[in-house]
Amino acid sequence: MANVSKLLFSTTVDETYLVNLHADDTPLKRAKTLIRDHLRTAFARAGTNLFGQVVKPKFYTQGSSAYKTLNDPAWSRCNKRT
């Protein structure tokens, strides 16, 4: 099996796959922040009403977004091949 790690990471070359992988995730990050803020407010309000104390949910980022490997799909739903 070929060792392709040099294509992903390199200490001497700036032209690696991960450097050139760009995804415009700004709208997703903005939506994530808005949703988390709304959930924090709702949990705090409901926790105070039900338990008499503030409930603070924890959020963890997982998957391709956390590893900075998020990319565009080969086919979107509107031009899906059959």
N, C-alpha and C. Protein backbone atom coordinates (compact mmCIF):
# COMPACT_ATOMS: atom_id res chain seq x y z
N MET A 1 0.85 -1.18 0.00
CA MET A 1 0.00 0.00 0.00
C MET A 1 0.89 1.24 0.00
N ALA A 2 0.52 2.20 -0.77
CA ALA A 2 1.31 3.43 -0.91
C ALA A 2 1.14 4.32 0.32
N ASN A 3 2.21 4.97 0.71
CA ASN A 3 2.18 5.92 1.82
C ASN A 3 1.91 7.30 1.23
N VAL A 4 0.69 7.80 1.41
CA VAL A 4 0.30 9.08 0.82
C VAL A 4 0.26 10.21 1.84
N SER A 5 0.86 10.00 3.01
CA SER A 5 0.79 11.01 4.06
C SER A 5 1.46 12.32 3.63
N LYS A 6 2.46 12.24 2.74
CA LYS A 6 3.13 13.46 2.28
C LYS A 6 2.20 14.33 1.43
N LEU A 7 1.17 13.73 0.84
CA LEU A 7 0.19 14.52 0.09
C LEU A 7 -0.71 15.31 1.02
N LEU A 8 -0.91 14.81 2.24
CA LEU A 8 -1.79 15.48 3.19
C LEU A 8 -1.04 16.47 4.08
N PHE A 9 0.14 16.07 4.54
CA PHE A 9 0.92 16.90 5.45
C PHE A 9 2.34 17.02 4.94
N SER A 10 2.89 18.21 5.05
CA SER A 10 4.28 18.40 4.66
C SER A 10 4.84 19.57 5.46
N THR A 11 6.06 19.44 5.91
CA THR A 11 6.70 20.53 6.65
C THR A 11 7.44 21.48 5.73
N THR A 12 7.67 21.08 4.48
CA THR A 12 8.44 21.92 3.57
C THR A 12 7.64 22.48 2.41
N VAL A 13 6.54 21.85 2.06
CA VAL A 13 5.76 22.26 0.89
C VAL A 13 4.42 22.81 1.34
N ASP A 14 4.05 23.98 0.78
CA ASP A 14 2.76 24.58 1.12
C ASP A 14 1.62 24.03 0.26
N GLU A 15 1.93 23.33 -0.79
CA GLU A 15 0.92 22.82 -1.71
C GLU A 15 0.51 21.40 -1.33
N THR A 16 -0.16 21.24 -0.22
CA THR A 16 -0.67 19.93 0.17
C THR A 16 -2.18 19.91 -0.01
N TYR A 17 -2.73 18.72 0.01
CA TYR A 17 -4.17 18.55 -0.20
C TYR A 17 -4.96 19.30 0.87
N LEU A 18 -4.59 19.17 2.12
CA LEU A 18 -5.35 19.80 3.20
C LEU A 18 -5.25 21.32 3.16
N VAL A 19 -4.13 21.87 2.69
CA VAL A 19 -4.00 23.32 2.56
C VAL A 19 -4.94 23.84 1.48
N ASN A 20 -5.07 23.07 0.41
CA ASN A 20 -5.90 23.50 -0.72
C ASN A 20 -7.37 23.15 -0.58
N LEU A 21 -7.73 22.44 0.46
CA LEU A 21 -9.12 22.04 0.66
C LEU A 21 -9.86 23.20 1.32
N HIS A 22 -10.72 23.84 0.57
CA HIS A 22 -11.46 24.99 1.08
C HIS A 22 -12.95 24.69 1.04
N ALA A 23 -13.61 24.98 2.12
CA ALA A 23 -15.06 24.84 2.18
C ALA A 23 -15.61 26.10 2.85
N ASP A 24 -16.62 26.68 2.24
CA ASP A 24 -17.22 27.87 2.81
C ASP A 24 -18.23 27.43 3.86
N ASP A 25 -17.76 27.29 5.09
CA ASP A 25 -18.63 26.84 6.16
C ASP A 25 -19.08 27.98 7.06
N THR A 26 -18.91 29.22 6.62
CA THR A 26 -19.31 30.38 7.40
C THR A 26 -20.81 30.36 7.72
N PRO A 27 -21.70 30.10 6.76
CA PRO A 27 -23.13 30.05 7.10
C PRO A 27 -23.45 28.93 8.11
N LEU A 28 -22.77 27.80 8.00
CA LEU A 28 -23.00 26.71 8.94
C LEU A 28 -22.56 27.09 10.34
N LYS A 29 -21.41 27.74 10.45
CA LYS A 29 -20.93 28.16 11.77
C LYS A 29 -21.85 29.19 12.39
N ARG A 30 -22.36 30.10 11.58
CA ARG A 30 -23.29 31.11 12.08
C ARG A 30 -24.58 30.46 12.57
N ALA A 31 -25.10 29.50 11.80
CA ALA A 31 -26.31 28.79 12.20
C ALA A 31 -26.07 27.99 13.47
N LYS A 32 -24.91 27.34 13.56
CA LYS A 32 -24.57 26.56 14.76
C LYS A 32 -24.57 27.45 16.00
N THR A 33 -23.98 28.63 15.88
CA THR A 33 -23.92 29.56 17.01
C THR A 33 -25.31 30.02 17.42
N LEU A 34 -26.15 30.35 16.45
CA LEU A 34 -27.51 30.79 16.75
C LEU A 34 -28.32 29.68 17.43
N ILE A 35 -28.21 28.47 16.92
CA ILE A 35 -28.95 27.35 17.49
C ILE A 35 -28.48 27.05 18.91
N ARG A 36 -27.17 27.04 19.12
CA ARG A 36 -26.64 26.77 20.46
C ARG A 36 -27.07 27.84 21.45
N ASP A 37 -27.04 29.11 21.03
CA ASP A 37 -27.47 30.20 21.91
C ASP A 37 -28.94 30.05 22.28
N HIS A 38 -29.77 29.70 21.30
CA HIS A 38 -31.19 29.51 21.55
C HIS A 38 -31.42 28.34 22.52
N LEU A 39 -30.70 27.24 22.30
CA LEU A 39 -30.85 26.08 23.19
C LEU A 39 -30.37 26.39 24.61
N ARG A 40 -29.30 27.13 24.75
CA ARG A 40 -28.83 27.50 26.09
C ARG A 40 -29.88 28.31 26.83
N THR A 41 -30.49 29.26 26.14
CA THR A 41 -31.52 30.09 26.75
C THR A 41 -32.73 29.25 27.14
N ALA A 42 -33.16 28.37 26.23
CA ALA A 42 -34.33 27.52 26.50
C ALA A 42 -34.06 26.56 27.66
N PHE A 43 -32.87 25.95 27.70
CA PHE A 43 -32.53 25.04 28.80
C PHE A 43 -32.47 25.78 30.13
N ALA A 44 -31.89 26.97 30.12
CA ALA A 44 -31.80 27.75 31.36
C ALA A 44 -33.19 28.09 31.88
N ARG A 45 -34.08 28.50 30.99
CA ARG A 45 -35.44 28.87 31.39
C ARG A 45 -36.21 27.65 31.89
N ALA A 46 -36.15 26.56 31.14
CA ALA A 46 -36.88 25.35 31.52
C ALA A 46 -36.29 24.74 32.80
N GLY A 47 -34.98 24.75 32.93
CA GLY A 47 -34.34 24.21 34.12
C GLY A 47 -34.71 24.97 35.37
N THR A 48 -34.78 26.29 35.24
CA THR A 48 -35.17 27.13 36.38
C THR A 48 -36.61 26.84 36.78
N ASN A 49 -37.49 26.69 35.79
CA ASN A 49 -38.90 26.42 36.08
C ASN A 49 -39.11 25.02 36.66
N LEU A 50 -38.41 24.02 36.15
CA LEU A 50 -38.63 22.64 36.57
C LEU A 50 -37.79 22.23 37.77
N PHE A 51 -36.55 22.65 37.82
CA PHE A 51 -35.64 22.16 38.85
C PHE A 51 -35.19 23.24 39.84
N GLY A 52 -35.51 24.48 39.55
CA GLY A 52 -35.11 25.56 40.43
C GLY A 52 -33.65 25.95 40.28
N GLN A 53 -33.00 25.47 39.23
CA GLN A 53 -31.61 25.85 38.97
C GLN A 53 -31.37 25.92 37.47
N VAL A 54 -30.32 26.62 37.09
CA VAL A 54 -30.00 26.78 35.67
C VAL A 54 -29.36 25.50 35.15
N VAL A 55 -29.86 25.02 34.01
CA VAL A 55 -29.30 23.85 33.34
C VAL A 55 -28.49 24.34 32.15
N LYS A 56 -27.22 23.92 32.06
CA LYS A 56 -26.34 24.36 30.98
C LYS A 56 -25.94 23.16 30.12
N PRO A 57 -26.47 23.08 28.89
CA PRO A 57 -26.07 21.97 28.02
C PRO A 57 -24.64 22.17 27.51
N LYS A 58 -23.96 21.05 27.24
CA LYS A 58 -22.61 21.09 26.66
C LYS A 58 -22.71 20.63 25.21
N PHE A 59 -21.95 21.27 24.35
CA PHE A 59 -21.94 20.94 22.94
C PHE A 59 -20.54 20.52 22.53
N TYR A 60 -20.46 19.47 21.71
CA TYR A 60 -19.17 18.99 21.22
C TYR A 60 -19.22 18.89 19.71
N THR A 61 -18.21 19.41 19.06
CA THR A 61 -18.12 19.33 17.61
C THR A 61 -17.50 18.00 17.22
N GLN A 62 -18.11 17.34 16.24
CA GLN A 62 -17.63 16.03 15.80
C GLN A 62 -17.50 16.01 14.28
N GLY A 63 -16.86 15.01 13.79
CA GLY A 63 -16.82 14.74 12.36
C GLY A 63 -15.91 15.63 11.55
N SER A 64 -16.26 15.78 10.28
CA SER A 64 -15.39 16.47 9.33
C SER A 64 -15.18 17.94 9.68
N SER A 65 -16.13 18.55 10.33
CA SER A 65 -15.96 19.95 10.73
C SER A 65 -14.87 20.08 11.79
N ALA A 66 -14.82 19.16 12.71
CA ALA A 66 -13.81 19.20 13.77
C ALA A 66 -12.42 18.92 13.22
N TYR A 67 -12.35 18.06 12.22
CA TYR A 67 -11.05 17.68 11.65
C TYR A 67 -10.62 18.57 10.49
N LYS A 68 -11.42 19.58 10.18
CA LYS A 68 -11.12 20.52 9.08
C LYS A 68 -11.00 19.80 7.74
N THR A 69 -11.83 18.79 7.53
CA THR A 69 -11.84 18.08 6.25
C THR A 69 -13.19 18.19 5.58
N LEU A 70 -13.97 19.19 5.97
CA LEU A 70 -15.29 19.40 5.40
C LEU A 70 -15.15 19.81 3.94
N ASN A 71 -15.85 19.14 3.04
CA ASN A 71 -15.76 19.51 1.63
C ASN A 71 -17.13 19.42 0.98
N ASP A 72 -17.22 19.91 -0.24
CA ASP A 72 -18.48 19.92 -0.97
C ASP A 72 -18.76 18.52 -1.52
N PRO A 73 -20.05 18.15 -1.56
CA PRO A 73 -20.37 16.83 -2.12
C PRO A 73 -20.14 16.80 -3.63
N ALA A 74 -19.90 15.61 -4.16
CA ALA A 74 -19.69 15.48 -5.61
C ALA A 74 -20.96 15.85 -6.36
N TRP A 75 -22.11 15.47 -5.83
CA TRP A 75 -23.39 15.80 -6.44
C TRP A 75 -24.31 16.34 -5.39
N SER A 76 -24.95 17.46 -5.70
CA SER A 76 -25.94 18.01 -4.77
C SER A 76 -27.30 17.39 -5.07
N ARG A 77 -28.25 17.63 -4.23
CA ARG A 77 -29.58 17.03 -4.41
C ARG A 77 -30.26 17.51 -5.70
N CYS A 78 -30.01 18.76 -6.08
CA CYS A 78 -30.70 19.29 -7.25
C CYS A 78 -30.17 18.72 -8.56
N ASN A 79 -28.92 18.28 -8.60
CA ASN A 79 -28.40 17.71 -9.84
C ASN A 79 -27.92 16.26 -9.62
N LYS A 80 -28.69 15.55 -8.82
CA LYS A 80 -28.34 14.18 -8.47
C LYS A 80 -28.45 13.27 -9.68
N ARG A 81 -27.41 12.45 -9.88
CA ARG A 81 -27.43 11.51 -10.99
C ARG A 81 -28.30 10.32 -10.66
N THR A 82 -28.92 9.79 -11.67
CA THR A 82 -29.76 8.60 -11.48
C THR A 82 -29.18 7.41 -12.18
